[in-house]
Amino acid sequence: MARSNACCRLLLLLLCGTLLLEMNPGMMLVSADACPLYCLDVDYMTCPSTGDEHLSPQCNCCLAPEGCTLHLSDGTSVYCS
C-alpha cells in the first residue's frame, strides 16, 4: 500500500512537471516599464488628439500619453515617445 501511494505521488509529480514545462513561457512573463519618480516643472501638455488645446500637465512622460508634448515652465518642451 505504501509503495502504491509513493508511486502515485511520483507519477502525479512527473505529470505536473511535464505540464509546467509544456507551458509557453511567454504567457507567464509580464512586461513592466519602470516609471521614474520625479516631476518636471510642466506648465501644460499638448497631444495630437486635441490639437493645440492646453491640457492639464503630467509630471513626466511616463505618466503622459505617448505622442504628447510636455511644455515646461522654462520655455522648453519634452516630446513623449
PDB file of N, CA and C in Angstrom:
ATOM      1  N   MET A   1       0.823  -1.193   0.000  1.00  0.00           N
ATOM      2  CA  MET A   1       0.000   0.000   0.000  1.00  0.00           C
ATOM      3  C   MET A   1       0.867   1.257   0.000  1.00  0.00           C
ATOM      4  N   ALA A   2       1.905   1.267   0.847  1.00  0.00           N
ATOM      5  CA  ALA A   2       2.774   2.432   0.932  1.00  0.00           C
ATOM      6  C   ALA A   2       3.532   2.625  -0.380  1.00  0.00           C
ATOM      7  N   ARG A   3       3.929   1.502  -0.987  1.00  0.00           N
ATOM      8  CA  ARG A   3       4.645   1.585  -2.259  1.00  0.00           C
ATOM      9  C   ARG A   3       3.721   2.110  -3.348  1.00  0.00           C
ATOM     10  N   SER A   4       2.489   1.713  -3.347  1.00  0.00           N
ATOM     11  CA  SER A   4       1.499   2.176  -4.318  1.00  0.00           C
ATOM     12  C   SER A   4       1.259   3.677  -4.160  1.00  0.00           C
ATOM     13  N   ASN A   5       1.180   4.131  -2.904  1.00  0.00           N
ATOM     14  CA  ASN A   5       0.988   5.555  -2.618  1.00  0.00           C
ATOM     15  C   ASN A   5       2.173   6.369  -3.132  1.00  0.00           C
ATOM     16  N   ALA A   6       3.376   5.877  -2.900  1.00  0.00           N
ATOM     17  CA  ALA A   6       4.579   6.581  -3.336  1.00  0.00           C
ATOM     18  C   ALA A   6       4.637   6.648  -4.860  1.00  0.00           C
ATOM     19  N   CYS A   7       4.253   5.564  -5.520  1.00  0.00           N
ATOM     20  CA  CYS A   7       4.246   5.549  -6.987  1.00  0.00           C
ATOM     21  C   CYS A   7       3.226   6.546  -7.536  1.00  0.00           C
ATOM     22  N   CYS A   8       2.069   6.625  -6.919  1.00  0.00           N
ATOM     23  CA  CYS A   8       1.036   7.575  -7.355  1.00  0.00           C
ATOM     24  C   CYS A   8       1.517   9.014  -7.182  1.00  0.00           C
ATOM     25  N   ARG A   9       2.169   9.278  -6.070  1.00  0.00           N
ATOM     26  CA  ARG A   9       2.685  10.634  -5.830  1.00  0.00           C
ATOM     27  C   ARG A   9       3.771  10.990  -6.849  1.00  0.00           C
ATOM     28  N   LEU A  10       4.656  10.048  -7.126  1.00  0.00           N
ATOM     29  CA  LEU A  10       5.717  10.274  -8.097  1.00  0.00           C
ATOM     30  C   LEU A  10       5.134  10.520  -9.484  1.00  0.00           C
ATOM     31  N   LEU A  11       4.154   9.734  -9.862  1.00  0.00           N
ATOM     32  CA  LEU A  11       3.502   9.895 -11.156  1.00  0.00           C
ATOM     33  C   LEU A  11       2.812  11.258 -11.249  1.00  0.00           C
ATOM     34  N   LEU A  12       2.148  11.663 -10.192  1.00  0.00           N
ATOM     35  CA  LEU A  12       1.476  12.958 -10.158  1.00  0.00           C
ATOM     36  C   LEU A  12       2.495  14.096 -10.255  1.00  0.00           C
ATOM     37  N   LEU A  13       3.609  13.964  -9.558  1.00  0.00           N
ATOM     38  CA  LEU A  13       4.661  14.975  -9.605  1.00  0.00           C
ATOM     39  C   LEU A  13       5.246  15.083 -11.012  1.00  0.00           C
ATOM     40  N   LEU A  14       5.492  13.958 -11.655  1.00  0.00           N
ATOM     41  CA  LEU A  14       6.016  13.968 -13.017  1.00  0.00           C
ATOM     42  C   LEU A  14       5.018  14.587 -13.994  1.00  0.00           C
ATOM     43  N   LEU A  15       3.757  14.293 -13.821  1.00  0.00           N
ATOM     44  CA  LEU A  15       2.716  14.849 -14.681  1.00  0.00           C
ATOM     45  C   LEU A  15       2.643  16.367 -14.532  1.00  0.00           C
ATOM     46  N   CYS A  16       2.690  16.840 -13.294  1.00  0.00           N
ATOM     47  CA  CYS A  16       2.663  18.290 -13.048  1.00  0.00           C
ATOM     48  C   CYS A  16       3.897  18.963 -13.639  1.00  0.00           C
ATOM     49  N   GLY A  17       5.048  18.356 -13.478  1.00  0.00           N
ATOM     50  CA  GLY A  17       6.276  18.907 -14.040  1.00  0.00           C
ATOM     51  C   GLY A  17       6.227  18.976 -15.555  1.00  0.00           C
ATOM     52  N   THR A  18       5.688  17.931 -16.165  1.00  0.00           N
ATOM     53  CA  THR A  18       5.555  17.910 -17.619  1.00  0.00           C
ATOM     54  C   THR A  18       4.630  19.016 -18.096  1.00  0.00           C
ATOM     55  N   LEU A  19       3.529  19.199 -17.405  1.00  0.00           N
ATOM     56  CA  LEU A  19       2.590  20.261 -17.780  1.00  0.00           C
ATOM     57  C   LEU A  19       3.234  21.635 -17.644  1.00  0.00           C
ATOM     58  N   LEU A  20       3.994  21.841 -16.586  1.00  0.00           N
ATOM     59  CA  LEU A  20       4.658  23.131 -16.393  1.00  0.00           C
ATOM     60  C   LEU A  20       5.712  23.387 -17.464  1.00  0.00           C
ATOM     61  N   LEU A  21       6.443  22.350 -17.865  1.00  0.00           N
ATOM     62  CA  LEU A  21       7.464  22.514 -18.895  1.00  0.00           C
ATOM     63  C   LEU A  21       6.847  22.771 -20.263  1.00  0.00           C
ATOM     64  N   GLU A  22       5.660  22.242 -20.502  1.00  0.00           N
ATOM     65  CA  GLU A  22       4.984  22.419 -21.782  1.00  0.00           C
ATOM     66  C   GLU A  22       4.335  23.786 -21.919  1.00  0.00           C
ATOM     67  N   MET A  23       4.162  24.504 -20.818  1.00  0.00           N
ATOM     68  CA  MET A  23       3.522  25.818 -20.883  1.00  0.00           C
ATOM     69  C   MET A  23       4.405  26.776 -21.664  1.00  0.00           C
ATOM     70  N   ASN A  24       3.785  27.697 -22.355  1.00  0.00           N
ATOM     71  CA  ASN A  24       4.519  28.708 -23.103  1.00  0.00           C
ATOM     72  C   ASN A  24       5.078  29.723 -22.115  1.00  0.00           C
ATOM     73  N   PRO A  25       6.397  29.860 -22.018  1.00  0.00           N
ATOM     74  CA  PRO A  25       6.971  30.796 -21.047  1.00  0.00           C
ATOM     75  C   PRO A  25       6.550  32.236 -21.310  1.00  0.00           C
ATOM     76  N   GLY A  26       6.261  32.583 -22.555  1.00  0.00           N
ATOM     77  CA  GLY A  26       5.836  33.939 -22.873  1.00  0.00           C
ATOM     78  C   GLY A  26       4.526  34.309 -22.216  1.00  0.00           C
ATOM     79  N   MET A  27       3.701  33.325 -21.936  1.00  0.00           N
ATOM     80  CA  MET A  27       2.413  33.596 -21.305  1.00  0.00           C
ATOM     81  C   MET A  27       2.589  33.943 -19.835  1.00  0.00           C
ATOM     82  N   MET A  28       3.691  33.525 -19.253  1.00  0.00           N
ATOM     83  CA  MET A  28       3.887  33.734 -17.830  1.00  0.00           C
ATOM     84  C   MET A  28       4.666  35.013 -17.534  1.00  0.00           C
ATOM     85  N   LEU A  29       5.279  35.608 -18.558  1.00  0.00           N
ATOM     86  CA  LEU A  29       6.065  36.812 -18.351  1.00  0.00           C
ATOM     87  C   LEU A  29       5.170  38.038 -18.402  1.00  0.00           C
ATOM     88  N   VAL A  30       5.421  38.961 -17.521  1.00  0.00           N
ATOM     89  CA  VAL A  30       4.690  40.222 -17.506  1.00  0.00           C
ATOM     90  C   VAL A  30       5.700  41.332 -17.721  1.00  0.00           C
ATOM     91  N   SER A  31       5.468  42.120 -18.740  1.00  0.00           N
ATOM     92  CA  SER A  31       6.378  43.219 -19.034  1.00  0.00           C
ATOM     93  C   SER A  31       5.964  44.454 -18.251  1.00  0.00           C
ATOM     94  N   ALA A  32       6.926  45.088 -17.634  1.00  0.00           N
ATOM     95  CA  ALA A  32       6.639  46.302 -16.871  1.00  0.00           C
ATOM     96  C   ALA A  32       7.715  47.336 -17.158  1.00  0.00           C
ATOM     97  N   ASP A  33       7.276  48.538 -17.404  1.00  0.00           N
ATOM     98  CA  ASP A  33       8.212  49.636 -17.598  1.00  0.00           C
ATOM     99  C   ASP A  33       8.396  50.355 -16.275  1.00  0.00           C
ATOM    100  N   ALA A  34       9.633  50.680 -15.986  1.00  0.00           N
ATOM    101  CA  ALA A  34       9.907  51.428 -14.759  1.00  0.00           C
ATOM    102  C   ALA A  34       9.550  52.892 -14.995  1.00  0.00           C
ATOM    103  N   CYS A  35       8.848  53.476 -14.070  1.00  0.00           N
ATOM    104  CA  CYS A  35       8.442  54.871 -14.171  1.00  0.00           C
ATOM    105  C   CYS A  35       9.301  55.695 -13.213  1.00  0.00           C
ATOM    106  N   PRO A  36      10.039  56.690 -13.743  1.00  0.00           N
ATOM    107  CA  PRO A  36      10.880  57.496 -12.856  1.00  0.00           C
ATOM    108  C   PRO A  36      10.054  58.275 -11.847  1.00  0.00           C
ATOM    109  N   LEU A  37      10.589  58.405 -10.655  1.00  0.00           N
ATOM    110  CA  LEU A  37       9.864  59.078  -9.577  1.00  0.00           C
ATOM    111  C   LEU A  37      10.319  60.528  -9.438  1.00  0.00           C
ATOM    112  N   TYR A  38      10.142  61.305 -10.497  1.00  0.00           N
ATOM    113  CA  TYR A  38      10.454  62.731 -10.429  1.00  0.00           C
ATOM    114  C   TYR A  38       9.405  63.499 -11.221  1.00  0.00           C
ATOM    115  N   CYS A  39       9.204  64.738 -10.859  1.00  0.00           N
ATOM    116  CA  CYS A  39       8.248  65.599 -11.552  1.00  0.00           C
ATOM    117  C   CYS A  39       8.991  66.757 -12.209  1.00  0.00           C
ATOM    118  N   LEU A  40       8.735  66.949 -13.486  1.00  0.00           N
ATOM    119  CA  LEU A  40       9.260  68.116 -14.187  1.00  0.00           C
ATOM    120  C   LEU A  40       8.366  69.306 -13.862  1.00  0.00           C
ATOM    121  N   ASP A  41       8.874  70.504 -14.066  1.00  0.00           N
ATOM    122  CA  ASP A  41       8.085  71.716 -13.824  1.00  0.00           C
ATOM    123  C   ASP A  41       7.291  72.018 -15.102  1.00  0.00           C
ATOM    124  N   VAL A  42       6.173  71.319 -15.279  1.00  0.00           N
ATOM    125  CA  VAL A  42       5.380  71.383 -16.510  1.00  0.00           C
ATOM    126  C   VAL A  42       4.264  72.411 -16.362  1.00  0.00           C
ATOM    127  N   ASP A  43       4.189  73.345 -17.328  1.00  0.00           N
ATOM    128  CA  ASP A  43       3.100  74.329 -17.341  1.00  0.00           C
ATOM    129  C   ASP A  43       1.826  73.712 -17.912  1.00  0.00           C
ATOM    130  N   TYR A  44       1.971  73.065 -19.077  1.00  0.00           N
ATOM    131  CA  TYR A  44       0.818  72.445 -19.724  1.00  0.00           C
ATOM    132  C   TYR A  44       1.305  71.354 -20.667  1.00  0.00           C
ATOM    133  N   MET A  45       0.353  70.605 -21.203  1.00  0.00           N
ATOM    134  CA  MET A  45       0.657  69.494 -22.086  1.00  0.00           C
ATOM    135  C   MET A  45      -0.221  69.622 -23.321  1.00  0.00           C
ATOM    136  N   THR A  46       0.308  69.267 -24.491  1.00  0.00           N
ATOM    137  CA  THR A  46      -0.493  69.191 -25.712  1.00  0.00           C
ATOM    138  C   THR A  46      -0.353  67.788 -26.283  1.00  0.00           C
ATOM    139  N   CYS A  47      -1.432  67.327 -26.917  1.00  0.00           N
ATOM    140  CA  CYS A  47      -1.434  65.998 -27.526  1.00  0.00           C
ATOM    141  C   CYS A  47      -2.011  66.108 -28.940  1.00  0.00           C
ATOM    142  N   PRO A  48      -1.557  65.254 -29.860  1.00  0.00           N
ATOM    143  CA  PRO A  48      -2.065  65.300 -31.232  1.00  0.00           C
ATOM    144  C   PRO A  48      -3.589  65.140 -31.306  1.00  0.00           C
ATOM    145  N   SER A  49      -4.151  64.375 -30.408  1.00  0.00           N
ATOM    146  CA  SER A  49      -5.595  64.107 -30.451  1.00  0.00           C
ATOM    147  C   SER A  49      -6.436  65.329 -30.099  1.00  0.00           C
ATOM    148  N   THR A  50      -5.842  66.318 -29.417  1.00  0.00           N
ATOM    149  CA  THR A  50      -6.602  67.513 -29.016  1.00  0.00           C
ATOM    150  C   THR A  50      -6.079  68.778 -29.682  1.00  0.00           C
ATOM    151  N   GLY A  51      -5.156  68.643 -30.612  1.00  0.00           N
ATOM    152  CA  GLY A  51      -4.622  69.808 -31.315  1.00  0.00           C
ATOM    153  C   GLY A  51      -3.784  70.678 -30.397  1.00  0.00           C
ATOM    154  N   ASP A  52      -4.074  71.988 -30.419  1.00  0.00           N
ATOM    155  CA  ASP A  52      -3.298  72.943 -29.616  1.00  0.00           C
ATOM    156  C   ASP A  52      -3.906  73.202 -28.245  1.00  0.00           C
ATOM    157  N   GLU A  53      -4.912  72.443 -27.870  1.00  0.00           N
ATOM    158  CA  GLU A  53      -5.560  72.650 -26.568  1.00  0.00           C
ATOM    159  C   GLU A  53      -4.560  72.397 -25.440  1.00  0.00           C
ATOM    160  N   HIS A  54      -4.506  73.306 -24.487  1.00  0.00           N
ATOM    161  CA  HIS A  54      -3.611  73.153 -23.331  1.00  0.00           C
ATOM    162  C   HIS A  54      -4.278  72.215 -22.329  1.00  0.00           C
ATOM    163  N   LEU A  55      -3.657  71.082 -22.103  1.00  0.00           N
ATOM    164  CA  LEU A  55      -4.195  70.067 -21.194  1.00  0.00           C
ATOM    165  C   LEU A  55      -3.509  70.157 -19.839  1.00  0.00           C
ATOM    166  N   SER A  56      -4.141  69.572 -18.845  1.00  0.00           N
ATOM    167  CA  SER A  56      -3.538  69.520 -17.504  1.00  0.00           C
ATOM    168  C   SER A  56      -2.200  68.795 -17.594  1.00  0.00           C
ATOM    169  N   PRO A  57      -1.175  69.356 -16.976  1.00  0.00           N
ATOM    170  CA  PRO A  57       0.159  68.756 -17.102  1.00  0.00           C
ATOM    171  C   PRO A  57       0.306  67.461 -16.307  1.00  0.00           C
ATOM    172  N   GLN A  58       1.170  66.606 -16.802  1.00  0.00           N
ATOM    173  CA  GLN A  58       1.585  65.393 -16.097  1.00  0.00           C
ATOM    174  C   GLN A  58       3.002  65.623 -15.583  1.00  0.00           C
ATOM    175  N   CYS A  59       3.410  64.846 -14.602  1.00  0.00           N
ATOM    176  CA  CYS A  59       4.748  65.012 -14.007  1.00  0.00           C
ATOM    177  C   CYS A  59       5.878  64.746 -14.999  1.00  0.00           C
ATOM    178  N   ASN A  60       5.742  63.693 -15.792  1.00  0.00           N
ATOM    179  CA  ASN A  60       6.784  63.327 -16.747  1.00  0.00           C
ATOM    180  C   ASN A  60       6.171  62.471 -17.849  1.00  0.00           C
ATOM    181  N   CYS A  61       6.965  62.086 -18.819  1.00  0.00           N
ATOM    182  CA  CYS A  61       6.452  61.325 -19.965  1.00  0.00           C
ATOM    183  C   CYS A  61       5.963  59.930 -19.592  1.00  0.00           C
ATOM    184  N   CYS A  62       6.399  59.426 -18.475  1.00  0.00           N
ATOM    185  CA  CYS A  62       5.935  58.112 -18.036  1.00  0.00           C
ATOM    186  C   CYS A  62       4.435  58.149 -17.746  1.00  0.00           C
ATOM    187  N   LEU A  63       3.950  59.282 -17.293  1.00  0.00           N
ATOM    188  CA  LEU A  63       2.541  59.420 -16.927  1.00  0.00           C
ATOM    189  C   LEU A  63       1.703  60.043 -18.040  1.00  0.00           C
ATOM    190  N   ALA A  64       2.341  60.642 -19.031  1.00  0.00           N
ATOM    191  CA  ALA A  64       1.628  61.284 -20.136  1.00  0.00           C
ATOM    192  C   ALA A  64       1.411  60.277 -21.266  1.00  0.00           C
ATOM    193  N   PRO A  65       0.354  60.454 -22.049  1.00  0.00           N
ATOM    194  CA  PRO A  65       0.136  59.561 -23.191  1.00  0.00           C
ATOM    195  C   PRO A  65       1.256  59.697 -24.230  1.00  0.00           C
ATOM    196  N   GLU A  66       1.524  58.619 -24.939  1.00  0.00           N
ATOM    197  CA  GLU A  66       2.555  58.623 -25.971  1.00  0.00           C
ATOM    198  C   GLU A  66       2.177  59.613 -27.070  1.00  0.00           C
ATOM    199  N   GLY A  67       3.153  60.374 -27.541  1.00  0.00           N
ATOM    200  CA  GLY A  67       2.921  61.336 -28.609  1.00  0.00           C
ATOM    201  C   GLY A  67       2.609  62.737 -28.116  1.00  0.00           C
ATOM    202  N   CYS A  68       2.396  62.895 -26.836  1.00  0.00           N
ATOM    203  CA  CYS A  68       2.097  64.213 -26.271  1.00  0.00           C
ATOM    204  C   CYS A  68       3.396  64.977 -26.013  1.00  0.00           C
ATOM    205  N   THR A  69       3.270  66.276 -25.844  1.00  0.00           N
ATOM    206  CA  THR A  69       4.414  67.134 -25.554  1.00  0.00           C
ATOM    207  C   THR A  69       4.186  67.848 -24.237  1.00  0.00           C
ATOM    208  N   LEU A  70       5.178  67.778 -23.366  1.00  0.00           N
ATOM    209  CA  LEU A  70       5.130  68.498 -22.099  1.00  0.00           C
ATOM    210  C   LEU A  70       5.826  69.837 -22.295  1.00  0.00           C
ATOM    211  N   HIS A  71       5.126  70.921 -22.018  1.00  0.00           N
ATOM    212  CA  HIS A  71       5.690  72.265 -22.162  1.00  0.00           C
ATOM    213  C   HIS A  71       6.112  72.741 -20.777  1.00  0.00           C
ATOM    214  N   LEU A  72       7.420  72.887 -20.597  1.00  0.00           N
ATOM    215  CA  LEU A  72       7.983  73.224 -19.292  1.00  0.00           C
ATOM    216  C   LEU A  72       7.925  74.724 -19.031  1.00  0.00           C
ATOM    217  N   SER A  73       7.998  75.081 -17.767  1.00  0.00           N
ATOM    218  CA  SER A  73       7.880  76.484 -17.360  1.00  0.00           C
ATOM    219  C   SER A  73       9.065  77.337 -17.826  1.00  0.00           C
ATOM    220  N   ASP A  74      10.199  76.711 -18.161  1.00  0.00           N
ATOM    221  CA  ASP A  74      11.355  77.481 -18.635  1.00  0.00           C
ATOM    222  C   ASP A  74      11.315  77.733 -20.144  1.00  0.00           C
ATOM    223  N   GLY A  75      10.216  77.346 -20.797  1.00  0.00           N
ATOM    224  CA  GLY A  75      10.056  77.587 -22.231  1.00  0.00           C
ATOM    225  C   GLY A  75      10.464  76.421 -23.112  1.00  0.00           C
ATOM    226  N   THR A  76      11.091  75.407 -22.556  1.00  0.00           N
ATOM    227  CA  THR A  76      11.472  74.231 -23.341  1.00  0.00           C
ATOM    228  C   THR A  76      10.320  73.238 -23.354  1.00  0.00           C
ATOM    229  N   SER A  77      10.446  72.226 -24.185  1.00  0.00           N
ATOM    230  CA  SER A  77       9.397  71.207 -24.247  1.00  0.00           C
ATOM    231  C   SER A  77      10.030  69.825 -24.336  1.00  0.00           C
ATOM    232  N   VAL A  78       9.274  68.838 -23.908  1.00  0.00           N
ATOM    233  CA  VAL A  78       9.720  67.443 -23.926  1.00  0.00           C
ATOM    234  C   VAL A  78       8.673  66.637 -24.675  1.00  0.00           C
ATOM    235  N   TYR A  79       9.097  65.955 -25.757  1.00  0.00           N
ATOM    236  CA  TYR A  79       8.198  65.109 -26.537  1.00  0.00           C
ATOM    237  C   TYR A  79       8.184  63.714 -25.926  1.00  0.00           C
ATOM    238  N   CYS A  80       7.011  63.189 -25.690  1.00  0.00           N
ATOM    239  CA  CYS A  80       6.866  61.858 -25.070  1.00  0.00           C
ATOM    240  C   CYS A  80       6.706  60.795 -26.151  1.00  0.00           C
ATOM    241  N   SER A  81       7.769  60.021 -26.368  1.00  0.00           N
ATOM    242  CA  SER A  81       7.717  58.977 -27.396  1.00  0.00           C
ATOM    243  C   SER A  81       7.513  57.613 -26.801  1.00  0.00           C
TER     244      SER A  81
END
